[in-house]
Amino acid sequence: MSWTHEAVLAEVRGVIEQHTDATAKLNESTELVADLGIDSLGVMEVVAEIEDKFNLTIADAELRDVTSLGDVVEAIEIRLRADGRLVEEPHPTVEGA
């Protein structure tokens, strides 16, 4: 299966919503601990579920740098890109540039 950035973001958002009782709309800058109160065990549960969903592994050393929803998405996209499973979406061009 191929993934787009928006599809990865939506899936990660859905997993995180299952592990929190946050009612605010989650965006890429949402901090897992500071904004959502997910503890280290919760982060591990989220990561395990995400690894299963995307059929990949995120190294423990890399998890130290994962603090926001955007960080999680980026870690997933790096692996999907390496596996050829990420569809790169064209960036819109700005007229006159």
C-alpha atoms as a PDB file:
ATOM      1  CA  MET A   1       0.000   0.000   0.000  1.00  0.00           C
ATOM      2  CA  SER A   2       1.167   3.512  -0.780  1.00  0.00           C
ATOM      3  CA  TRP A   3       0.646   6.407   1.600  1.00  0.00           C
ATOM      4  CA  THR A   4       0.382  10.170   1.198  1.00  0.00           C
ATOM      5  CA  HIS A   5       1.294  12.727   3.842  1.00  0.00           C
ATOM      6  CA  GLU A   6      -2.380  13.471   4.497  1.00  0.00           C
ATOM      7  CA  ALA A   7      -3.224   9.772   4.870  1.00  0.00           C
ATOM      8  CA  VAL A   8      -0.319   9.231   7.285  1.00  0.00           C
ATOM      9  CA  LEU A   9      -1.352  12.297   9.293  1.00  0.00           C
ATOM     10  CA  ALA A  10      -4.984  11.144   9.466  1.00  0.00           C
ATOM     11  CA  GLU A  11      -4.024   7.635  10.617  1.00  0.00           C
ATOM     12  CA  VAL A  12      -1.608   8.930  13.272  1.00  0.00           C
ATOM     13  CA  ARG A  13      -4.199  11.444  14.466  1.00  0.00           C
ATOM     14  CA  GLY A  14      -6.745   8.619  14.785  1.00  0.00           C
ATOM     15  CA  VAL A  15      -4.385   6.451  16.823  1.00  0.00           C
ATOM     16  CA  ILE A  16      -3.479   9.307  19.152  1.00  0.00           C
ATOM     17  CA  GLU A  17      -7.140  10.235  19.630  1.00  0.00           C
ATOM     18  CA  GLN A  18      -7.797   6.680  20.847  1.00  0.00           C
ATOM     19  CA  HIS A  19      -5.146   7.100  23.545  1.00  0.00           C
ATOM     20  CA  THR A  20      -6.253  10.487  24.840  1.00  0.00           C
ATOM     21  CA  ASP A  21      -9.400  12.209  25.918  1.00  0.00           C
ATOM     22  CA  ALA A  22      -8.393  15.427  24.198  1.00  0.00           C
ATOM     23  CA  THR A  23     -11.259  17.203  22.509  1.00  0.00           C
ATOM     24  CA  ALA A  24      -9.117  19.795  20.712  1.00  0.00           C
ATOM     25  CA  LYS A  25      -8.302  19.298  17.057  1.00  0.00           C
ATOM     26  CA  LEU A  26      -4.887  17.688  16.784  1.00  0.00           C
ATOM     27  CA  ASN A  27      -2.361  19.230  14.422  1.00  0.00           C
ATOM     28  CA  GLU A  28       1.273  18.537  13.608  1.00  0.00           C
ATOM     29  CA  SER A  29       2.549  20.868  16.342  1.00  0.00           C
ATOM     30  CA  THR A  30       0.492  19.174  19.087  1.00  0.00           C
ATOM     31  CA  GLU A  31       2.894  17.958  21.773  1.00  0.00           C
ATOM     32  CA  LEU A  32       2.193  14.410  22.944  1.00  0.00           C
ATOM     33  CA  VAL A  33       3.231  14.990  26.557  1.00  0.00           C
ATOM     34  CA  ALA A  34       2.822  18.734  27.114  1.00  0.00           C
ATOM     35  CA  ASP A  35      -0.485  19.197  25.256  1.00  0.00           C
ATOM     36  CA  LEU A  36      -2.094  15.767  25.556  1.00  0.00           C
ATOM     37  CA  GLY A  37      -0.596  14.465  28.783  1.00  0.00           C
ATOM     38  CA  ILE A  38       0.469  11.151  27.257  1.00  0.00           C
ATOM     39  CA  ASP A  39       3.041   9.559  29.556  1.00  0.00           C
ATOM     40  CA  SER A  40       6.029   7.501  28.415  1.00  0.00           C
ATOM     41  CA  LEU A  41       4.040   4.261  28.580  1.00  0.00           C
ATOM     42  CA  GLY A  42       1.285   5.875  26.514  1.00  0.00           C
ATOM     43  CA  VAL A  43       3.816   7.014  23.924  1.00  0.00           C
ATOM     44  CA  MET A  44       5.128   3.437  23.699  1.00  0.00           C
ATOM     45  CA  GLU A  45       1.564   2.136  23.216  1.00  0.00           C
ATOM     46  CA  VAL A  46       0.905   4.708  20.490  1.00  0.00           C
ATOM     47  CA  VAL A  47       4.163   3.839  18.734  1.00  0.00           C
ATOM     48  CA  ALA A  48       3.456   0.094  18.923  1.00  0.00           C
ATOM     49  CA  GLU A  49       0.021   0.582  17.382  1.00  0.00           C
ATOM     50  CA  ILE A  50       1.447   2.830  14.675  1.00  0.00           C
ATOM     51  CA  GLU A  51       4.192   0.329  13.875  1.00  0.00           C
ATOM     52  CA  ASP A  52       1.530  -2.354  13.405  1.00  0.00           C
ATOM     53  CA  LYS A  53      -0.705  -0.089  11.306  1.00  0.00           C
ATOM     54  CA  PHE A  54       2.113   0.910   8.939  1.00  0.00           C
ATOM     55  CA  ASN A  55       4.015  -2.399   9.110  1.00  0.00           C
ATOM     56  CA  LEU A  56       7.292  -0.766  10.155  1.00  0.00           C
ATOM     57  CA  THR A  57       9.599  -0.316  13.131  1.00  0.00           C
ATOM     58  CA  ILE A  58      10.717   2.912  14.763  1.00  0.00           C
ATOM     59  CA  ALA A  59      14.019   2.489  16.631  1.00  0.00           C
ATOM     60  CA  ASP A  60      13.973   3.278  20.358  1.00  0.00           C
ATOM     61  CA  ALA A  61      16.839   5.756  19.885  1.00  0.00           C
ATOM     62  CA  GLU A  62      14.707   7.761  17.474  1.00  0.00           C
ATOM     63  CA  LEU A  63      11.806   7.930  19.907  1.00  0.00           C
ATOM     64  CA  ARG A  64      13.811  10.284  22.121  1.00  0.00           C
ATOM     65  CA  ASP A  65      13.358  12.964  19.460  1.00  0.00           C
ATOM     66  CA  VAL A  66       9.629  12.350  19.001  1.00  0.00           C
ATOM     67  CA  THR A  67       7.696  14.960  20.940  1.00  0.00           C
ATOM     68  CA  SER A  68       4.899  16.117  18.629  1.00  0.00           C
ATOM     69  CA  LEU A  69       2.361  14.586  16.302  1.00  0.00           C
ATOM     70  CA  GLY A  70       4.418  16.011  13.417  1.00  0.00           C
ATOM     71  CA  ASP A  71       7.528  14.213  14.714  1.00  0.00           C
ATOM     72  CA  VAL A  72       5.625  10.919  14.681  1.00  0.00           C
ATOM     73  CA  VAL A  73       4.433  11.563  11.119  1.00  0.00           C
ATOM     74  CA  GLU A  74       7.966  12.460  10.008  1.00  0.00           C
ATOM     75  CA  ALA A  75       9.444   9.290  11.554  1.00  0.00           C
ATOM     76  CA  ILE A  76       6.844   7.193   9.721  1.00  0.00           C
ATOM     77  CA  GLU A  77       7.333   8.999   6.415  1.00  0.00           C
ATOM     78  CA  ILE A  78      11.107   8.454   6.528  1.00  0.00           C
ATOM     79  CA  ARG A  79      10.537   4.697   6.715  1.00  0.00           C
ATOM     80  CA  LEU A  80       7.742   4.672   4.154  1.00  0.00           C
ATOM     81  CA  ARG A  81       9.885   6.706   1.746  1.00  0.00           C
ATOM     82  CA  ALA A  82      12.815   4.288   2.205  1.00  0.00           C
ATOM     83  CA  ASP A  83      10.458   1.377   1.440  1.00  0.00           C
ATOM     84  CA  GLY A  84       9.005   3.147  -1.611  1.00  0.00           C
ATOM     85  CA  ARG A  85       5.588   3.299   0.075  1.00  0.00           C
ATOM     86  CA  LEU A  86       5.224   7.093   0.352  1.00  0.00           C
ATOM     87  CA  VAL A  87       3.657   8.972  -2.536  1.00  0.00           C
ATOM     88  CA  GLU A  88       5.343  12.338  -2.799  1.00  0.00           C
ATOM     89  CA  GLU A  89       2.683  14.941  -3.408  1.00  0.00           C
ATOM     90  CA  PRO A  90       3.615  17.765  -5.773  1.00  0.00           C
ATOM     91  CA  HIS A  91       3.952  21.142  -4.135  1.00  0.00           C
ATOM     92  CA  PRO A  92       1.716  23.801  -5.664  1.00  0.00           C
ATOM     93  CA  THR A  93       3.610  26.335  -7.726  1.00  0.00           C
ATOM     94  CA  VAL A  94       3.247  30.006  -7.118  1.00  0.00           C
ATOM     95  CA  GLU A  95       2.384  31.941 -10.252  1.00  0.00           C
ATOM     96  CA  GLY A  96       4.884  34.599 -11.168  1.00  0.00           C
ATOM     97  CA  ALA A  97       7.656  33.024  -9.113  1.00  0.00           C
END
